[in-house]
Amino acid sequence: MYKILEHSADEKFHAQGETREEAFEEVVEAFAEIVGGQTEGMYTHSFEVEANTLEALLYDFLDELIFLKTLKVSWSLMLKI
């Protein structure tokens, strides 16, 4: 489950799931809604992110999503956490 939150300058959302994988899937859903993408499509893109803390993992994961958005990659993402 995710919720888009109001913010005066940036985009903001809250995402959660029963597992880490589900929470990160919700992050993708929220991010796609914010940038106007789709989470289901013809293409899949896989990537791996490693970090020492959960906060760093989320930051690096979002950084990768932003990078992929700049490349206009489809939002059907295969998560491997």
Protein backbone atom coordinates (compact mmCIF):
# COMPACT_ATOMS: atom_id res chain seq x y z
CA MET A 1 0.00 0.00 0.00
CA TYR A 2 1.20 3.48 -0.78
CA LYS A 3 -0.08 6.99 -0.40
CA ILE A 4 0.99 10.11 -2.25
CA LEU A 5 1.56 12.92 0.27
CA GLU A 6 1.49 16.66 -0.24
CA HIS A 7 4.76 18.59 -0.27
CA SER A 8 5.30 22.22 -1.20
CA ALA A 9 8.39 21.72 -3.37
CA ASP A 10 9.07 18.04 -4.01
CA GLU A 11 7.15 14.82 -4.44
CA LYS A 12 6.50 12.73 -1.36
CA PHE A 13 4.92 9.35 -0.67
CA HIS A 14 4.59 6.70 2.00
CA ALA A 15 4.92 3.06 0.94
CA GLN A 16 4.66 -0.07 3.04
CA GLY A 17 4.33 -3.80 2.67
CA GLU A 18 4.31 -6.91 4.81
CA THR A 19 7.76 -7.83 3.50
CA ARG A 20 10.68 -5.76 2.24
CA GLU A 21 9.96 -6.97 -1.30
CA GLU A 22 6.32 -5.89 -1.07
CA ALA A 23 7.33 -2.50 0.32
CA PHE A 24 9.75 -1.93 -2.55
CA GLU A 25 7.08 -3.00 -5.05
CA GLU A 26 4.85 -0.31 -3.54
CA VAL A 27 7.70 2.19 -3.93
CA VAL A 28 7.69 1.38 -7.66
CA GLU A 29 3.91 1.84 -7.82
CA ALA A 30 4.07 5.22 -6.04
CA PHE A 31 7.02 6.39 -8.13
CA ALA A 32 5.24 5.40 -11.35
CA GLU A 33 2.14 7.34 -10.33
CA ILE A 34 4.19 10.43 -9.56
CA VAL A 35 6.11 10.39 -12.86
CA GLY A 36 3.13 9.26 -14.92
CA GLY A 37 4.52 5.86 -15.80
CA GLN A 38 2.95 2.43 -15.82
CA THR A 39 3.91 -0.55 -13.72
CA GLU A 40 2.78 -3.09 -16.30
CA GLY A 41 3.99 -3.10 -19.85
CA MET A 42 5.74 -4.88 -22.63
CA TYR A 43 9.26 -4.66 -21.25
CA THR A 44 11.00 -5.69 -18.07
CA HIS A 45 14.20 -4.24 -16.67
CA SER A 46 16.14 -5.97 -13.93
CA PHE A 47 18.72 -4.39 -11.66
CA GLU A 48 20.36 -5.09 -8.35
CA VAL A 49 21.08 -2.61 -5.60
CA GLU A 50 23.23 -3.31 -2.57
CA ALA A 51 23.66 -1.18 0.53
CA ASN A 52 24.70 -1.50 4.17
CA THR A 53 21.45 -0.14 5.63
CA LEU A 54 17.78 -0.27 4.64
CA GLU A 55 17.72 3.52 4.28
CA ALA A 56 20.71 3.44 1.93
CA LEU A 57 19.10 0.59 -0.02
CA LEU A 58 15.92 2.63 -0.50
CA TYR A 59 17.91 5.71 -1.52
CA ASP A 60 19.95 3.75 -4.08
CA PHE A 61 16.81 1.98 -5.32
CA LEU A 62 15.03 5.30 -5.90
CA ASP A 63 18.16 6.71 -7.52
CA GLU A 64 18.11 3.79 -9.99
CA LEU A 65 14.40 4.37 -10.73
CA ILE A 66 15.11 8.03 -11.45
CA PHE A 67 17.99 7.07 -13.72
CA LEU A 68 15.84 4.55 -15.60
CA LYS A 69 13.08 7.13 -15.97
CA THR A 70 15.54 9.45 -17.67
CA LEU A 71 16.24 6.61 -20.11
CA LYS A 72 12.48 6.15 -20.57
CA VAL A 73 12.59 2.49 -19.62
CA SER A 74 9.23 0.78 -19.13
CA TRP A 75 7.99 0.68 -15.53
CA SER A 76 7.46 -3.06 -15.51
CA LEU A 77 10.32 -3.81 -13.15
CA MET A 78 11.52 -7.15 -11.90
CA LEU A 79 12.60 -6.76 -8.28
CA LYS A 80 15.43 -8.82 -6.85
CA ILE A 81 16.14 -7.73 -3.30
